[in-house]
């Protein structure tokens, strides 16, 4: 029927190209073709669906460059082409997508710089480009992107430094810049990201851990912080003024940090997940770890700790009772166990 408005072909076993005949459904506003094995390129007839507001194509084997024809779908609000075989540069067509709020193209093979129309999009709320081969500086215009809430640029080839301009995205709640060659120190004006709840800067060659922590403590809503593989062979800060009241996950693994476990961690009362593995920490395990009400994961492996394991660890309530929960945001990125060899392991839930 040409009056069909919603078509959902999700999670079937379609292996051919996305059907060309969909162009006959001129009233179509929602098309889900995700979770199939569709291959080939996108048919040009798809770009005739002028009423389309949501297009889900993730989890297929669609290949080739992303056609400029996407720009004809001017009513798109959500576009998800994640986990496919797209390659080439992202087309500079986002100026034509004035209503686009959600764009995800993670886990493809896109290359080149971010297009100007994308980094100046005022409508975007969620942008996920993790796990591609995008390069160049991160040149987002956060003064224009005032509605941006979630930004994923992890696992690419972006070069540093981390831009000061990101602090202009005052509504940003989730930011993933992990596994890029950024380097340098965290910009001081990151302390203006008051809405930030989730931040991953793992494996970005960051320096000056004390400065980074002093800045990030101003992000009062921060709940998940990943800083793995940074600050190589430095002293772990023991600044008693550091305070992270809402932090539930801290990953500072594989940094070869030296010194004793710092006292300021004892005031992170909401901690559920703490990974300090593969560092060079020394001294004893403090007895105050037994006072954490919600802590269920604690990794001190591959350090140089000494003394006895404190009996207080047997008082950890979330390990005794097993059903303690607190309200928390859904993570926008995966938490990985730090390992020297073998595949990385991610946690499915906090």
Protein backbone atom coordinates (compact mmCIF):
# COMPACT_ATOMS: atom_id res chain seq x y z
CA UNK A 1 0.00 0.00 0.00
CA UNK A 2 1.30 3.43 -0.89
CA UNK A 3 -0.22 4.79 2.36
CA UNK A 4 1.94 2.69 4.67
CA UNK A 5 3.60 4.94 7.26
CA UNK A 6 5.66 2.42 9.28
CA UNK A 7 7.68 -0.57 8.02
CA UNK A 8 9.65 -2.67 10.49
CA UNK A 9 11.85 -5.41 8.99
CA UNK A 10 14.22 -5.56 11.99
CA UNK A 11 16.17 -8.70 12.90
CA UNK A 12 15.23 -10.95 10.01
CA UNK A 13 17.54 -12.74 7.60
CA UNK A 14 17.36 -10.44 4.59
CA UNK A 15 20.62 -10.68 2.70
CA UNK A 16 19.92 -8.77 -0.50
CA UNK A 17 20.12 -5.05 -1.13
CA UNK A 18 17.61 -2.78 0.60
CA UNK A 19 14.54 -3.03 -1.71
CA UNK A 20 14.21 -0.42 -4.46
CA UNK A 21 10.41 -0.67 -4.47
CA UNK A 22 10.17 1.14 -1.16
CA UNK A 23 9.95 4.35 -3.19
CA UNK A 24 6.30 3.46 -3.87
CA UNK A 25 5.53 4.00 -0.16
CA UNK A 26 5.42 7.78 -0.46
CA UNK A 27 3.76 8.23 2.97
CA UNK A 28 6.45 6.22 4.78
CA UNK A 29 7.86 8.04 7.80
CA UNK A 30 9.49 5.21 9.77
CA UNK A 31 11.67 2.50 8.20
CA UNK A 32 13.57 -0.07 10.27
CA UNK A 33 15.79 -2.48 8.35
CA UNK A 34 18.30 -3.05 11.13
CA UNK A 35 19.73 -6.37 12.29
CA UNK A 36 19.72 -8.10 8.91
CA UNK A 37 22.48 -9.15 6.52
CA UNK A 38 21.64 -6.74 3.73
CA UNK A 39 24.59 -6.01 1.48
CA UNK A 40 25.46 -3.77 -1.44
CA UNK A 41 24.89 -0.04 -1.53
CA UNK A 42 21.77 1.93 -0.70
CA UNK A 43 19.36 2.19 -3.66
CA UNK A 44 18.81 5.69 -5.03
CA UNK A 45 15.05 5.20 -4.76
CA UNK A 46 15.37 5.27 -0.97
CA UNK A 47 16.17 8.97 -1.14
CA UNK A 48 12.79 9.71 -2.71
CA UNK A 49 10.98 9.06 0.58
CA UNK A 50 10.57 12.74 1.44
CA UNK A 51 8.33 12.04 4.47
CA UNK A 52 10.82 9.75 6.19
CA UNK A 53 11.58 10.88 9.74
CA UNK A 54 13.32 7.77 11.09
CA UNK A 55 15.67 5.46 9.21
CA UNK A 56 17.31 2.53 11.00
CA UNK A 57 19.85 0.54 8.97
CA UNK A 58 22.30 -0.52 11.69
CA UNK A 59 23.71 -4.02 11.90
CA UNK A 60 23.86 -4.93 8.21
CA UNK A 61 26.63 -5.29 5.62
CA UNK A 62 25.77 -2.24 3.54
CA UNK A 63 28.88 -0.89 1.85
CA UNK A 64 30.23 1.91 -0.30
CA UNK A 65 30.21 5.64 0.39
CA UNK A 66 27.23 7.30 2.05
CA UNK A 67 25.33 8.88 -0.82
CA UNK A 68 24.70 12.61 -1.05
CA UNK A 69 21.11 11.55 -1.67
CA UNK A 70 20.63 11.31 2.11
CA UNK A 71 20.41 15.11 1.99
CA UNK A 72 17.08 14.79 0.13
CA UNK A 73 15.46 13.29 3.25
CA UNK A 74 14.87 16.70 4.76
CA UNK A 75 12.41 15.45 7.40
CA UNK A 76 14.81 12.98 9.01
CA UNK A 77 14.90 13.18 12.79
CA UNK A 78 16.84 9.96 13.38
CA UNK A 79 19.40 8.28 11.11
CA UNK A 80 21.26 5.19 12.32
CA UNK A 81 23.68 3.46 9.94
CA UNK A 82 25.93 1.93 12.63
CA UNK A 83 27.76 -1.39 12.28
CA UNK A 84 27.89 -1.57 8.49
CA UNK A 85 30.67 -1.45 5.89
CA UNK A 86 30.33 2.18 4.78
CA UNK A 87 33.58 3.83 3.76
CA UNK A 88 34.91 7.07 2.35
CA UNK A 89 34.25 10.55 3.72
CA UNK A 90 31.05 11.68 5.37
CA UNK A 91 29.18 13.79 2.82
CA UNK A 92 28.71 17.48 3.57
CA UNK A 93 24.90 17.29 3.37
CA UNK A 94 23.79 17.87 6.95
CA UNK A 95 22.75 21.44 6.26
CA UNK A 96 19.80 19.96 4.37
CA UNK A 97 18.81 17.85 7.40
CA UNK A 98 17.53 20.70 9.55
CA UNK A 99 15.45 18.43 11.79
CA UNK A 100 18.08 15.74 12.43
CA UNK A 101 18.45 15.06 16.17
CA UNK A 102 20.06 11.62 16.25
CA UNK A 103 22.88 10.53 13.93
CA UNK A 104 24.81 7.33 14.59
CA UNK A 105 27.41 5.95 12.18
CA UNK A 106 29.62 4.07 14.63
CA UNK A 107 31.57 0.96 13.61
CA UNK A 108 32.05 1.69 9.93
CA UNK A 109 35.14 2.66 7.94
CA UNK A 110 34.56 6.37 7.41
CA UNK A 111 37.70 8.44 6.85
CA UNK A 112 38.64 12.09 6.51
CA UNK A 113 37.60 15.15 8.47
CA UNK A 114 34.24 15.95 9.98
CA UNK A 115 32.15 17.85 7.40
CA UNK A 116 31.37 21.50 8.13
CA UNK A 117 27.61 21.03 7.93
CA UNK A 118 27.78 18.29 10.60
CA UNK A 119 29.90 20.20 13.11
CA UNK A 120 27.59 23.22 12.75
CA UNK A 121 24.28 21.36 13.02
CA UNK A 122 21.98 23.19 15.48
CA UNK A 123 19.41 20.39 15.70
CA UNK A 124 21.70 17.48 16.65
CA UNK A 125 21.25 16.07 20.14
CA UNK A 126 23.10 12.76 19.75
CA UNK A 127 26.12 12.19 17.51
CA UNK A 128 27.91 8.83 17.59
CA UNK A 129 30.87 8.28 15.28
CA UNK A 130 32.83 5.88 17.49
CA UNK A 131 35.03 3.24 15.89
CA UNK A 132 35.80 4.63 12.45
CA UNK A 133 38.98 6.04 10.90
CA UNK A 134 38.06 9.71 11.01
CA UNK A 135 41.01 12.07 11.30
CA UNK A 136 42.11 15.65 11.72
CA UNK A 137 41.30 17.99 14.60
CA UNK A 138 38.00 17.82 16.48
CA UNK A 139 36.53 21.00 15.08
CA UNK A 140 33.01 21.01 16.53
CA UNK A 141 31.26 24.37 16.69
CA UNK A 142 29.57 23.98 20.05
CA UNK A 143 28.23 27.53 19.89
CA UNK A 144 26.03 26.31 17.03
CA UNK A 145 25.42 22.82 18.44
CA UNK A 146 23.54 24.09 21.48
CA UNK A 147 21.29 21.03 21.74
CA UNK A 148 24.08 18.42 21.80
CA UNK A 149 23.59 16.01 24.71
CA UNK A 150 25.69 12.97 23.72
CA UNK A 151 28.91 12.95 21.65
CA UNK A 152 30.86 9.83 20.71
CA UNK A 153 34.12 10.25 18.78
CA UNK A 154 36.04 7.39 20.38
CA UNK A 155 38.33 4.95 18.53
CA UNK A 156 39.23 7.17 15.59
CA UNK A 157 42.37 8.92 14.37
CA UNK A 158 41.60 12.41 15.66
CA UNK A 159 44.56 14.58 16.60
CA UNK A 160 44.85 16.87 19.59
CA UNK A 161 44.78 18.89 21.51
CA UNK A 162 41.36 18.48 23.10
CA UNK A 163 39.55 21.62 21.88
CA UNK A 164 38.60 24.29 24.41
CA UNK A 165 35.41 24.84 22.42
CA UNK A 166 33.86 21.61 23.70
CA UNK A 167 33.16 23.41 26.96
CA UNK A 168 30.59 25.53 25.10
CA UNK A 169 28.35 22.44 24.82
CA UNK A 170 26.83 23.24 28.22
CA UNK A 171 24.08 20.61 27.85
CA UNK A 172 26.52 17.78 27.11
CA UNK A 173 25.86 14.74 29.33
CA UNK A 174 27.96 12.01 27.69
CA UNK A 175 31.33 12.51 25.98
CA UNK A 176 33.57 9.78 24.58
CA UNK A 177 36.93 10.80 23.10
CA UNK A 178 38.76 7.60 24.06
CA UNK A 179 41.41 5.96 21.87
CA UNK A 180 42.45 9.01 19.86
CA UNK A 181 45.85 10.70 19.66
CA UNK A 182 44.91 13.86 21.55
CA UNK A 183 47.72 14.46 24.06
CA UNK A 184 48.36 17.47 26.23
CA UNK A 185 46.37 18.50 29.29
CA UNK A 186 42.63 18.65 29.84
CA UNK A 187 41.43 22.20 29.07
CA UNK A 188 40.66 24.18 32.21
CA UNK A 189 37.26 25.29 30.92
CA UNK A 190 35.99 21.69 31.02
CA UNK A 191 34.92 22.64 34.53
CA UNK A 192 32.01 24.48 32.83
CA UNK A 193 30.44 21.17 31.70
CA UNK A 194 28.04 21.09 34.64
CA UNK A 195 25.63 18.65 32.96
CA UNK A 196 28.31 16.05 32.18
CA UNK A 197 27.56 12.62 33.67
CA UNK A 198 29.74 10.28 31.57
CA UNK A 199 33.25 10.95 30.31
CA UNK A 200 35.75 8.61 28.68
CA UNK A 201 39.22 9.93 27.85
CA UNK A 202 40.97 6.56 28.03
CA UNK A 203 44.06 6.04 25.87
CA UNK A 204 44.34 9.63 24.65
CA UNK A 205 47.91 10.37 25.87
CA UNK A 206 46.71 12.86 28.47
CA UNK A 207 49.22 14.40 30.85
CA UNK A 208 48.99 16.03 34.30
CA UNK A 209 46.59 13.85 36.26
CA UNK A 210 46.32 16.27 39.19
CA UNK A 211 45.19 19.10 36.94
CA UNK A 212 42.66 16.84 35.19
CA UNK A 213 41.10 15.68 38.47
CA UNK A 214 40.97 19.20 39.88
CA UNK A 215 39.12 20.35 36.77
CA UNK A 216 36.73 17.40 36.59
CA UNK A 217 35.63 17.67 40.22
CA UNK A 218 33.75 20.79 39.14
CA UNK A 219 31.55 18.57 36.94
CA UNK A 220 29.31 17.86 39.91
CA UNK A 221 27.05 15.39 38.07
CA UNK A 222 29.91 13.21 36.80
CA UNK A 223 29.04 9.55 37.45
CA UNK A 224 31.28 7.57 35.04
CA UNK A 225 34.92 8.56 34.46
CA UNK A 226 37.32 6.53 32.31
CA UNK A 227 40.98 7.61 32.22
CA UNK A 228 42.76 4.33 31.42
CA UNK A 229 46.18 4.38 29.69
CA UNK A 230 47.07 8.00 30.41
CA UNK A 231 49.48 9.90 32.73
CA UNK A 232 52.15 7.24 32.27
CA UNK A 233 54.29 6.52 35.35
CA UNK A 234 53.19 9.54 37.42
CA UNK A 235 52.34 9.90 41.10
CA UNK A 236 48.66 9.31 41.85
CA UNK A 237 47.34 12.55 43.41
CA UNK A 238 46.68 12.51 47.14
CA UNK A 239 45.07 15.97 47.26
CA UNK A 240 42.60 15.73 50.15
CA UNK A 241 40.48 18.51 48.63
CA UNK A 242 39.46 16.37 45.62
CA UNK A 243 35.77 15.48 45.78
CA UNK A 244 33.53 13.50 43.41
CA UNK A 245 30.20 13.16 45.20
CA UNK A 246 28.25 11.49 42.39
CA UNK A 247 30.95 9.27 40.91
CA UNK A 248 29.86 5.63 40.62
CA UNK A 249 32.53 4.35 38.19
CA UNK A 250 36.21 5.27 38.09
CA UNK A 251 38.66 3.53 35.74
CA UNK A 252 42.28 4.60 36.24
CA UNK A 253 43.87 1.36 35.08
CA UNK A 254 47.03 0.72 33.07
CA UNK A 255 48.56 4.12 33.82
CA UNK A 256 51.55 2.80 35.84
CA UNK A 257 50.61 5.29 38.56
CA UNK A 258 52.84 5.34 41.64
CA UNK A 259 52.12 6.01 45.30
CA UNK A 260 49.59 4.84 47.89
CA UNK A 261 45.84 4.52 47.32
CA UNK A 262 44.66 8.12 47.88
CA UNK A 263 42.45 9.14 50.80
CA UNK A 264 40.13 11.27 48.66
CA UNK A 265 38.62 8.10 47.19
CA UNK A 266 37.05 7.39 50.60
CA UNK A 267 34.67 10.32 50.05
CA UNK A 268 33.30 8.93 46.76
CA UNK A 269 30.39 7.42 48.65
CA UNK A 270 28.43 6.34 45.56
CA UNK A 271 31.24 4.25 44.06
CA UNK A 272 30.11 0.98 42.53
CA UNK A 273 33.00 0.23 40.15
CA UNK A 274 36.66 1.00 40.82
CA UNK A 275 39.48 -0.23 38.59
CA UNK A 276 43.05 0.66 39.58
CA UNK A 277 44.65 -2.40 38.01
CA UNK A 278 47.98 -2.54 36.14
CA UNK A 279 49.42 0.45 37.97
CA UNK A 280 52.42 0.68 40.33
CA UNK A 281 50.49 1.47 43.48
CA UNK A 282 52.17 0.63 46.80
CA UNK A 283 51.32 0.55 50.48
CA UNK A 284 48.35 -1.12 52.14
CA UNK A 285 44.74 -1.51 51.07
CA UNK A 286 42.91 0.99 53.32
CA UNK A 287 40.31 -0.45 55.69
CA UNK A 288 37.80 2.28 54.71
CA UNK A 289 36.97 0.37 51.52
CA UNK A 290 34.61 -1.73 53.63
CA UNK A 291 32.39 1.30 54.20
CA UNK A 292 31.24 1.62 50.58
CA UNK A 293 27.55 0.79 50.46
CA UNK A 294 27.31 0.24 46.69
CA UNK A 295 30.76 -1.02 45.66
CA UNK A 296 30.49 -4.34 43.80
CA UNK A 297 33.63 -4.30 41.61
CA UNK A 298 37.10 -3.57 42.96
CA UNK A 299 40.28 -4.33 40.98
CA UNK A 300 43.74 -3.72 42.47
CA UNK A 301 45.40 -6.50 40.49
CA UNK A 302 48.94 -6.13 39.11
CA UNK A 303 50.16 -3.47 41.54
CA UNK A 304 52.80 -3.52 44.30
CA UNK A 305 50.50 -3.48 47.31
CA UNK A 306 51.62 -5.08 50.58
CA UNK A 307 50.25 -6.15 53.93
CA UNK A 308 47.07 -8.00 54.70
CA UNK A 309 43.76 -7.82 52.88
CA UNK A 310 41.62 -5.86 55.36
CA UNK A 311 38.80 -7.78 57.00
CA UNK A 312 36.55 -4.75 56.35
CA UNK A 313 36.22 -5.84 52.70
CA UNK A 314 33.89 -8.57 53.97
CA UNK A 315 31.49 -5.78 55.02
CA UNK A 316 30.85 -4.56 51.47
CA UNK A 317 27.05 -4.50 51.44
CA UNK A 318 26.54 -4.86 47.69
CA UNK A 319 28.53 -8.11 47.77
CA UNK A 320 26.69 -9.45 50.82
CA UNK A 321 23.13 -8.55 49.86
CA UNK A 322 23.49 -8.47 46.07
CA UNK A 323 20.37 -6.47 45.25
CA UNK A 324 21.29 -2.94 46.28
CA UNK A 325 20.58 -0.43 43.52
CA UNK A 326 20.79 3.31 43.14
CA UNK A 327 19.46 5.52 40.39
CA UNK A 328 21.98 6.07 37.62
CA UNK A 329 22.12 7.11 33.97
CA UNK A 330 22.44 4.50 31.26
CA UNK A 331 26.03 4.42 30.04
CA UNK A 332 26.64 5.77 26.54
CA UNK A 333 29.84 3.79 26.22
CA UNK A 334 31.18 0.47 27.35
CA UNK A 335 33.34 -0.09 30.41
CA UNK A 336 36.31 -2.33 29.68
CA UNK A 337 38.41 -4.43 32.01
CA UNK A 338 42.06 -3.49 31.59
CA UNK A 339 44.06 -6.43 30.26
CA UNK A 340 47.62 -6.67 29.01
CA UNK A 341 46.91 -9.63 26.73
CA UNK A 342 43.86 -11.15 25.11
CA UNK A 343 40.64 -9.47 24.01
CA UNK A 344 39.16 -6.57 25.96
CA UNK A 345 36.23 -7.49 28.17
CA UNK A 346 33.32 -5.09 28.52
CA UNK A 347 30.79 -4.98 31.33
CA UNK A 348 27.16 -5.24 30.29
CA UNK A 349 25.87 -3.20 33.19
CA UNK A 350 27.06 -1.18 36.15
